[in-house]
Amino acid sequence: MSQRLMKWLKLEPGEGVAVAWAFAYFFLLLASYYILRPLRDEMGIAGGIAKLPWLFTGTFVAMLAAVPLFGFITARLPRQRFLPLVYGFFILNLLLFHAAFQIEGWREVMARTFFIWASVFNLFVVSVFWSFMVDLFSSAQGKRLFGLIAAGGTAGAITGPSLTALLVVPVGPVNLLLLSALLLAGAVLCIRRLSRWSEQKASAPAHQRQEPLGGSIFAGLTLIVRSPYLLGVALFMLLFTTLATFLYFEQAHIVAQSFSNSVERTRFFALLDLAVNTLTVLTQVLITSRLLTRLGVAGALALVPLLSAFGFALLALTPVLAALAGFQVLRRAGEYAITRPARELLYTVVDRETKYKAKNALDTVVYRGGDALAGWLFAGLKSLGLGLAAIAWLAVPLALAWAVVALWLGRRQAQLSRDNN
């Protein structure tokens, strides 16, 4: 029975323990974040939709400060030390936010600060997680295992909003920060277990595996500029985040028009997350590994861009809550279950410094830079008198361009993988 399960999950001997800890790690990580996500989205609307571009810009500035700091840490500390340190920093932040929200006069300022912090937290901790995964597993292993590992995150992403929807009224939003911090502490334990497994399985001598990455604190950005392949990934990320931000702003406008109070909006966001993550986990367990194996990275990367072109066209024709919710559920589920594992495979064919530094810069600075740019672009289009439907039409050709970039990157990854072997 155990052999049948391993065959169904596409596990090879020696991989089960690592996959189990990686599954638990991602579960705890996303459960921690998804407790916070509905609170972040509600604080963004409560602070005023017109101020959202400023919040996105503030997030980008925070990322610009965080990436060199991350580069400084990774250049000087070995992996098994800097990974727990990153998560410990965010646990401390959650405890400080919990204390600050108790001060009545600080609530408005802290709400905006929390929106920016949560946006940084989300991308940073998930980026570090996937950097660790592409460092532990090869490209061939990733095609088999990343869907299953990602399912752990989705299970956590189902648990998080479920807890928020159940507990936000009886315990209050602020006290959920403590639960989020506790789950994040559990992720640190998983990191230590995975590091121990890696040390036991790796062929390199122990003193080499424990060495810092070295290099400049700005190496992540310089590596991107010097590599056409990484520049292609940067373009992919910019198109992705531009379209995601357009949809986020459309969502903010439609939800603000559809619900009259904070509790209803928070509950809607939690239920939307629940629907997204339920569909995602089913896709990850049943479809992702088979899809990646049969379509390859190129085909998998192009699926959500093509879906986005169709979705924005539908939203342009019917800019209502039902169309928005359906599009968001399908797009986000596809992004988490298919695009994200395929995108992480792009990094299995690069060197270790690129896996941590360049990848982190792409996942944070480039991502949030695209957010900020798209936020101001959306605001500019609105100021010119364009409605939600007209802006949705403008997103369609961007989605098609995104699909073209996805195909090129997937083919280039396959070539690099063959060259490395």
Protein backbone atom coordinates (compact mmCIF):
# COMPACT_ATOMS: atom_id res chain seq x y z
CA MET A 1 0.00 0.00 0.00
CA SER A 2 2.90 2.31 0.82
CA GLN A 3 4.46 1.55 -2.57
CA ARG A 4 1.17 2.33 -4.33
CA LEU A 5 0.91 5.65 -2.49
CA MET A 6 4.48 6.57 -3.42
CA LYS A 7 3.80 5.67 -7.04
CA TRP A 8 0.58 7.71 -7.11
CA LEU A 9 2.38 10.70 -5.57
CA LYS A 10 5.38 10.14 -7.88
CA LEU A 11 7.77 9.81 -4.93
CA GLU A 12 11.09 8.01 -5.24
CA PRO A 13 12.95 6.30 -2.34
CA GLY A 14 14.44 8.79 0.11
CA GLU A 15 12.17 11.69 -0.92
CA GLY A 16 9.18 11.02 1.34
CA VAL A 17 10.60 12.56 4.54
CA ALA A 18 11.77 15.73 2.78
CA VAL A 19 8.48 16.18 0.93
CA ALA A 20 6.52 15.70 4.17
CA TRP A 21 8.52 18.41 5.96
CA ALA A 22 8.32 20.71 2.92
CA PHE A 23 4.55 20.13 2.80
CA ALA A 24 4.24 21.01 6.51
CA TYR A 25 6.54 24.03 6.10
CA PHE A 26 4.44 25.52 3.30
CA PHE A 27 1.20 24.65 5.13
CA LEU A 28 2.24 26.59 8.24
CA LEU A 29 3.66 29.46 6.20
CA LEU A 30 0.54 30.12 4.14
CA ALA A 31 -1.86 29.42 7.02
CA SER A 32 0.01 32.16 8.88
CA TYR A 33 -0.27 34.58 5.96
CA TYR A 34 -3.87 33.81 5.01
CA ILE A 35 -5.00 34.63 8.52
CA LEU A 36 -3.63 38.10 7.79
CA ARG A 37 -4.69 38.54 4.15
CA PRO A 38 -8.39 39.37 4.69
CA LEU A 39 -7.31 41.87 7.38
CA ARG A 40 -4.85 43.47 4.96
CA ASP A 41 -7.42 43.74 2.15
CA GLU A 42 -10.03 45.24 4.46
CA MET A 43 -7.51 47.78 5.81
CA GLY A 44 -6.69 48.77 2.23
CA ILE A 45 -10.33 49.55 1.46
CA ALA A 46 -11.00 51.14 4.85
CA GLY A 47 -8.07 53.50 4.28
CA GLY A 48 -9.64 54.69 1.01
CA ILE A 49 -9.42 53.18 -2.47
CA ALA A 50 -7.93 56.43 -3.78
CA LYS A 51 -4.94 55.88 -1.48
CA LEU A 52 -4.18 52.35 -2.72
CA PRO A 53 -1.57 53.51 -5.30
CA TRP A 54 0.32 55.18 -2.43
CA LEU A 55 0.20 51.96 -0.42
CA PHE A 56 1.52 49.98 -3.39
CA THR A 57 4.30 52.54 -3.83
CA GLY A 58 5.13 52.32 -0.14
CA THR A 59 5.36 48.55 -0.49
CA PHE A 60 7.78 48.91 -3.40
CA VAL A 61 9.99 51.29 -1.39
CA ALA A 62 9.98 48.85 1.53
CA MET A 63 11.07 46.08 -0.85
CA LEU A 64 13.93 48.23 -2.14
CA ALA A 65 15.18 48.50 1.44
CA ALA A 66 14.61 44.82 2.27
CA VAL A 67 16.43 43.21 -0.67
CA PRO A 68 19.93 44.66 0.08
CA LEU A 69 19.43 43.68 3.73
CA PHE A 70 18.60 40.13 2.65
CA GLY A 71 21.67 40.17 0.39
CA PHE A 72 23.80 41.29 3.34
CA ILE A 73 22.53 38.42 5.50
CA THR A 74 22.88 35.71 2.85
CA ALA A 75 26.40 36.87 1.97
CA ARG A 76 27.55 36.35 5.54
CA LEU A 77 25.49 33.54 7.04
CA PRO A 78 25.00 29.92 5.88
CA ARG A 79 21.57 28.77 4.74
CA GLN A 80 20.66 26.93 7.94
CA ARG A 81 21.20 30.16 9.91
CA PHE A 82 19.79 32.90 7.68
CA LEU A 83 16.51 31.10 6.90
CA PRO A 84 15.35 30.90 10.58
CA LEU A 85 16.59 34.46 11.10
CA VAL A 86 14.32 35.80 8.32
CA TYR A 87 11.24 34.14 9.80
CA GLY A 88 12.19 35.13 13.35
CA PHE A 89 12.27 38.76 12.22
CA PHE A 90 8.70 38.54 10.89
CA ILE A 91 7.47 36.80 14.06
CA LEU A 92 8.82 39.71 16.09
CA ASN A 93 7.06 42.13 13.72
CA LEU A 94 3.72 40.41 14.32
CA LEU A 95 4.13 40.73 18.07
CA LEU A 96 4.97 44.42 17.73
CA PHE A 97 1.94 45.03 15.50
CA HIS A 98 -0.28 43.32 18.06
CA ALA A 99 1.01 45.69 20.74
CA ALA A 100 0.75 48.79 18.51
CA PHE A 101 -2.88 48.10 17.56
CA GLN A 102 -3.80 48.32 21.25
CA ILE A 103 -2.98 52.05 21.20
CA GLU A 104 -6.16 53.81 20.11
CA GLY A 105 -4.58 56.86 18.50
CA TRP A 106 -2.29 54.74 16.31
CA ARG A 107 -4.95 52.64 14.57
CA GLU A 108 -5.25 54.59 11.29
CA VAL A 109 -1.50 54.92 10.77
CA MET A 110 -0.88 51.33 11.82
CA ALA A 111 -3.56 50.07 9.41
CA ARG A 112 -1.69 51.58 6.45
CA THR A 113 1.65 50.40 7.82
CA PHE A 114 0.25 46.91 8.27
CA PHE A 115 -1.02 46.84 4.66
CA ILE A 116 2.49 47.61 3.41
CA TRP A 117 4.13 45.20 5.86
CA ALA A 118 1.77 42.32 4.99
CA SER A 119 2.45 42.86 1.28
CA VAL A 120 6.20 42.65 1.93
CA PHE A 121 5.80 39.70 4.30
CA ASN A 122 3.80 37.65 1.81
CA LEU A 123 6.25 37.89 -1.07
CA PHE A 124 9.39 37.69 1.03
CA VAL A 125 8.61 34.58 3.06
CA VAL A 126 7.17 32.70 0.06
CA SER A 127 10.14 33.67 -2.11
CA VAL A 128 12.55 32.40 0.55
CA PHE A 129 10.54 29.17 0.79
CA TRP A 130 10.81 28.47 -2.95
CA SER A 131 14.48 29.44 -3.01
CA PHE A 132 15.01 26.74 -0.42
CA MET A 133 12.98 24.23 -2.47
CA VAL A 134 14.85 24.82 -5.76
CA ASP A 135 18.08 24.50 -3.77
CA LEU A 136 17.00 21.15 -2.32
CA PHE A 137 15.47 19.54 -5.43
CA SER A 138 16.57 19.21 -9.06
CA SER A 139 14.54 20.20 -12.14
CA ALA A 140 13.42 16.60 -12.72
CA GLN A 141 12.41 16.26 -9.06
CA GLY A 142 10.61 19.59 -9.18
CA LYS A 143 8.33 18.47 -12.01
CA ARG A 144 7.26 15.51 -9.89
CA LEU A 145 7.23 17.07 -6.43
CA PHE A 146 6.52 20.80 -6.60
CA GLY A 147 2.80 20.29 -7.20
CA LEU A 148 2.53 18.11 -4.11
CA ILE A 149 4.63 20.49 -2.02
CA ALA A 150 2.57 23.44 -3.23
CA ALA A 151 -0.55 21.55 -2.11
CA GLY A 152 0.74 21.89 1.45
CA GLY A 153 0.68 25.64 1.03
CA THR A 154 -2.81 25.51 -0.40
CA ALA A 155 -4.03 23.39 2.52
CA GLY A 156 -2.63 26.11 4.78
CA ALA A 157 -4.24 28.76 2.62
CA ILE A 158 -7.60 27.02 3.14
CA THR A 159 -7.04 26.75 6.89
CA GLY A 160 -5.99 30.39 7.28
CA PRO A 161 -9.09 32.15 5.88
CA SER A 162 -11.31 29.51 7.51
CA LEU A 163 -9.85 30.44 10.89
CA THR A 164 -10.22 34.14 10.08
CA ALA A 165 -13.87 33.77 9.06
CA LEU A 166 -14.63 31.79 12.24
CA LEU A 167 -12.60 33.82 14.73
CA VAL A 168 -12.66 37.42 13.47
CA VAL A 169 -15.95 38.20 15.27
CA PRO A 170 -15.46 36.38 18.63
CA VAL A 171 -11.76 37.20 19.22
CA GLY A 172 -11.30 40.33 17.09
CA PRO A 173 -8.95 40.94 14.14
CA VAL A 174 -5.96 42.11 16.21
CA ASN A 175 -5.69 38.93 18.30
CA LEU A 176 -5.41 36.85 15.12
CA LEU A 177 -1.88 38.26 14.75
CA LEU A 178 -0.74 36.09 17.67
CA LEU A 179 -2.07 32.93 16.02
CA SER A 180 -0.29 33.89 12.80
CA ALA A 181 3.00 34.30 14.72
CA LEU A 182 2.60 30.88 16.33
CA LEU A 183 2.13 29.16 12.97
CA LEU A 184 5.16 30.97 11.57
CA ALA A 185 7.25 29.64 14.47
CA GLY A 186 6.25 26.11 13.43
CA ALA A 187 7.65 26.81 9.95
CA VAL A 188 11.06 27.46 11.52
CA LEU A 189 11.05 23.93 12.96
CA CYS A 190 10.39 22.54 9.47
CA ILE A 191 13.34 24.51 8.08
CA ARG A 192 15.65 22.91 10.63
CA ARG A 193 14.40 19.41 9.76
CA LEU A 194 14.83 20.00 6.03
CA SER A 195 18.33 21.41 6.56
CA ARG A 196 19.25 18.27 8.49
CA TRP A 197 17.87 16.05 5.69
CA SER A 198 19.82 18.04 3.11
CA GLU A 199 23.05 17.66 5.06
CA GLN A 200 22.56 13.91 5.31
CA LYS A 201 21.75 13.46 1.61
CA ALA A 202 24.06 16.00 -0.05
CA SER A 203 27.28 14.74 -1.55
CA ALA A 204 29.30 17.88 -0.79
CA PRO A 205 31.44 17.97 2.39
CA ALA A 206 29.69 19.44 5.43
CA HIS A 207 31.94 22.51 5.66
CA GLN A 208 31.06 23.45 2.05
CA ARG A 209 27.31 23.04 2.60
CA GLN A 210 27.48 25.41 5.60
CA GLU A 211 29.31 28.20 3.82
CA PRO A 212 27.60 31.59 3.23
CA LEU A 213 26.75 32.52 -0.36
CA GLY A 214 29.16 35.47 -0.36
CA GLY A 215 29.06 38.15 -3.05
CA SER A 216 27.69 41.69 -3.05
CA ILE A 217 24.51 42.71 -1.20
CA PHE A 218 23.26 44.04 -4.57
CA ALA A 219 24.18 40.84 -6.43
CA GLY A 220 20.53 39.93 -6.96
CA LEU A 221 19.92 42.97 -9.14
CA THR A 222 23.24 42.78 -11.02
CA LEU A 223 22.70 39.10 -11.83
CA ILE A 224 19.35 39.97 -13.42
CA VAL A 225 20.74 42.77 -15.56
CA ARG A 226 23.54 40.57 -16.93
CA SER A 227 21.35 37.61 -17.92
CA PRO A 228 18.89 37.61 -20.86
CA TYR A 229 17.19 34.61 -19.26
CA LEU A 230 16.63 36.44 -15.96
CA LEU A 231 15.53 39.58 -17.82
CA GLY A 232 12.91 37.39 -19.48
CA VAL A 233 11.79 36.23 -16.04
CA ALA A 234 11.63 39.90 -14.97
CA LEU A 235 9.39 40.74 -17.95
CA PHE A 236 7.20 37.74 -17.13
CA MET A 237 6.88 39.00 -13.54
CA LEU A 238 6.08 42.56 -14.61
CA LEU A 239 3.29 41.43 -16.93
CA PHE A 240 1.97 39.06 -14.29
CA THR A 241 1.90 41.63 -11.51
CA THR A 242 0.50 44.38 -13.76
CA LEU A 243 -2.48 42.23 -14.65
CA ALA A 244 -2.90 41.03 -11.06
CA THR A 245 -2.90 44.64 -9.83
CA PHE A 246 -5.43 45.71 -12.46
CA LEU A 247 -7.70 42.91 -11.28
CA TYR A 248 -7.08 43.79 -7.61
CA PHE A 249 -8.15 47.40 -8.22
CA GLU A 250 -11.21 46.29 -10.18
CA GLN A 251 -12.00 44.01 -7.25
CA ALA A 252 -11.62 46.86 -4.75
CA HIS A 253 -14.06 49.06 -6.69
CA ILE A 254 -16.65 46.33 -7.28
CA VAL A 255 -16.52 45.04 -3.67
CA ALA A 256 -16.79 48.57 -2.26
CA GLN A 257 -19.92 49.09 -4.38
CA SER A 258 -21.40 45.71 -3.41
CA PHE A 259 -20.96 45.69 0.40
CA SER A 260 -21.73 48.42 2.88
CA ASN A 261 -19.66 47.52 5.95
CA SER A 262 -16.28 46.21 7.06
CA VAL A 263 -17.43 42.85 8.43
CA GLU A 264 -19.22 41.90 5.18
CA ARG A 265 -16.18 42.80 3.10
CA THR A 266 -13.80 40.88 5.38
CA ARG A 267 -16.05 37.82 5.23
CA PHE A 268 -16.31 38.05 1.40
CA PHE A 269 -12.52 38.16 1.07
CA ALA A 270 -12.15 35.18 3.40
CA LEU A 271 -14.75 33.14 1.48
CA LEU A 272 -13.13 34.09 -1.84
CA ASP A 273 -9.78 32.84 -0.52
CA LEU A 274 -11.46 29.66 0.67
CA ALA A 275 -12.93 28.96 -2.79
CA VAL A 276 -9.61 29.72 -4.51
CA ASN A 277 -7.62 27.46 -2.25
CA THR A 278 -10.09 24.57 -2.32
CA LEU A 279 -9.89 24.49 -6.13
CA THR A 280 -6.11 24.94 -5.95
CA VAL A 281 -5.43 21.98 -3.68
CA LEU A 282 -7.56 19.67 -5.82
CA THR A 283 -5.63 20.77 -8.91
CA GLN A 284 -2.25 20.40 -7.20
CA VAL A 285 -2.88 16.91 -5.92
CA LEU A 286 -4.61 15.52 -9.01
CA ILE A 287 -3.31 17.49 -12.01
CA THR A 288 -0.18 19.63 -11.51
CA SER A 289 2.59 17.01 -11.67
CA ARG A 290 0.99 15.30 -14.68
CA LEU A 291 0.47 18.64 -16.41
CA LEU A 292 4.08 19.72 -15.86
CA THR A 293 5.36 16.37 -17.11
CA ARG A 294 3.21 16.34 -20.26
CA LEU A 295 3.09 20.04 -21.25
CA GLY A 296 6.52 20.95 -19.92
CA VAL A 297 7.36 24.29 -18.35
CA ALA A 298 6.45 26.29 -21.49
CA GLY A 299 2.94 24.92 -21.82
CA ALA A 300 2.21 25.18 -18.10
CA LEU A 301 3.45 28.78 -17.91
CA ALA A 302 1.24 29.87 -20.83
CA LEU A 303 -2.06 28.50 -19.43
CA VAL A 304 -2.92 31.26 -16.94
CA PRO A 305 -1.95 34.11 -19.32
CA LEU A 306 -4.39 32.70 -21.89
CA LEU A 307 -7.05 32.28 -19.19
CA SER A 308 -6.43 35.90 -18.12
CA ALA A 309 -7.03 37.19 -21.65
CA PHE A 310 -10.40 35.44 -21.68
CA GLY A 311 -11.22 36.54 -18.11
CA PHE A 312 -10.52 40.22 -18.68
CA ALA A 313 -12.64 40.12 -21.83
CA LEU A 314 -15.49 38.61 -19.80
CA LEU A 315 -15.05 41.24 -17.07
CA ALA A 316 -15.11 44.00 -19.72
CA LEU A 317 -18.48 42.71 -20.94
CA THR A 318 -19.94 42.19 -17.44
CA PRO A 319 -18.08 44.15 -14.69
CA VAL A 320 -20.17 42.72 -11.82
CA LEU A 321 -19.38 40.88 -8.58
CA ALA A 322 -20.24 37.39 -9.90
CA ALA A 323 -17.96 37.75 -12.95
CA LEU A 324 -15.18 39.16 -10.79
CA ALA A 325 -15.44 36.35 -8.24
CA GLY A 326 -15.44 33.63 -10.90
CA PHE A 327 -12.46 35.13 -12.72
CA GLN A 328 -10.51 35.62 -9.48
CA VAL A 329 -11.11 32.06 -8.34
CA LEU A 330 -9.99 30.51 -11.64
CA ARG A 331 -7.03 32.86 -12.18
CA ARG A 332 -5.64 32.62 -8.66
CA ALA A 333 -6.16 28.86 -8.48
CA GLY A 334 -4.35 28.48 -11.80
CA GLU A 335 -1.55 30.77 -10.63
CA TYR A 336 -0.99 28.86 -7.37
CA ALA A 337 -1.49 25.34 -8.75
CA ILE A 338 0.16 25.61 -12.17
CA THR A 339 1.99 28.89 -12.84
CA ARG A 340 3.84 29.05 -9.52
CA PRO A 341 5.34 25.53 -9.61
CA ALA A 342 6.23 26.02 -13.29
CA ARG A 343 7.79 29.40 -12.53
CA GLU A 344 9.90 27.94 -9.73
CA LEU A 345 11.25 25.33 -12.16
CA LEU A 346 12.85 28.22 -14.07
CA TYR A 347 15.33 28.53 -11.18
CA THR A 348 16.37 24.87 -10.99
CA VAL A 349 18.77 25.42 -13.91
CA VAL A 350 20.72 28.36 -12.40
CA ASP A 351 23.52 28.57 -9.81
CA ARG A 352 22.95 28.79 -6.06
CA GLU A 353 23.58 32.53 -5.69
CA THR A 354 20.98 33.19 -8.40
CA LYS A 355 18.49 30.88 -6.64
CA TYR A 356 18.57 32.99 -3.50
CA LYS A 357 19.63 36.52 -4.46
CA ALA A 358 18.37 37.07 -8.01
CA LYS A 359 15.22 35.07 -7.37
CA ASN A 360 14.47 37.07 -4.23
CA ALA A 361 14.94 40.35 -6.13
CA LEU A 362 12.63 39.15 -8.90
CA ASP A 363 10.00 37.92 -6.46
CA THR A 364 10.03 41.09 -4.37
CA VAL A 365 11.45 44.24 -5.97
CA VAL A 366 10.36 43.46 -9.54
CA TYR A 367 7.02 42.12 -8.35
CA ARG A 368 6.18 45.09 -6.12
CA GLY A 369 7.68 47.52 -8.64
CA GLY A 370 5.18 46.21 -11.16
CA ASP A 371 2.46 46.57 -8.51
CA ALA A 372 3.33 50.22 -7.89
CA LEU A 373 3.59 51.05 -11.60
CA ALA A 374 0.32 49.27 -12.39
CA GLY A 375 -1.41 50.97 -9.45
CA TRP A 376 -0.56 54.44 -10.73
CA LEU A 377 -1.37 53.41 -14.29
CA PHE A 378 -4.83 52.22 -13.18
CA ALA A 379 -5.39 55.48 -11.27
CA GLY A 380 -4.27 57.47 -14.32
CA LEU A 381 -6.66 55.61 -16.61
CA LYS A 382 -9.50 56.22 -14.15
CA SER A 383 -8.66 59.94 -14.01
CA LEU A 384 -8.91 60.05 -17.81
CA GLY A 385 -12.49 58.87 -17.50
CA LEU A 386 -12.06 55.21 -18.39
CA GLY A 387 -14.43 52.85 -16.61
CA LEU A 388 -13.75 49.37 -15.26
CA ALA A 389 -14.88 47.75 -18.53
CA ALA A 390 -12.55 49.87 -20.70
CA ILE A 391 -9.55 49.13 -18.47
CA ALA A 392 -10.36 45.41 -18.60
CA TRP A 393 -10.23 45.58 -22.42
CA LEU A 394 -6.76 47.16 -22.23
CA ALA A 395 -5.59 44.21 -20.13
CA VAL A 396 -6.41 41.64 -22.84
CA PRO A 397 -3.41 42.35 -25.16
CA LEU A 398 -1.11 42.48 -22.11
CA ALA A 399 -2.26 38.98 -21.19
CA LEU A 400 -1.51 37.72 -24.71
CA ALA A 401 1.99 39.27 -24.55
CA TRP A 402 2.45 37.53 -21.20
CA ALA A 403 1.65 34.19 -22.86
CA VAL A 404 4.32 34.78 -25.54
CA VAL A 405 6.98 35.52 -22.89
CA ALA A 406 5.91 32.40 -20.97
CA LEU A 407 6.45 30.17 -24.01
CA TRP A 408 9.93 31.62 -24.65
CA LEU A 409 10.99 31.17 -21.03
CA GLY A 410 9.75 27.59 -20.88
CA ARG A 411 11.67 26.62 -24.01
CA ARG A 412 14.81 28.34 -22.73
CA GLN A 413 14.54 26.49 -19.40
CA ALA A 414 14.30 23.17 -21.20
CA GLN A 415 17.43 24.02 -23.22
CA LEU A 416 19.39 25.02 -20.09
CA SER A 417 18.26 21.85 -18.34
CA ARG A 418 19.58 19.73 -21.22
CA ASP A 419 22.85 21.68 -21.26
CA ASN A 420 23.33 21.17 -17.49
CA ASN A 421 22.83 17.45 -17.84
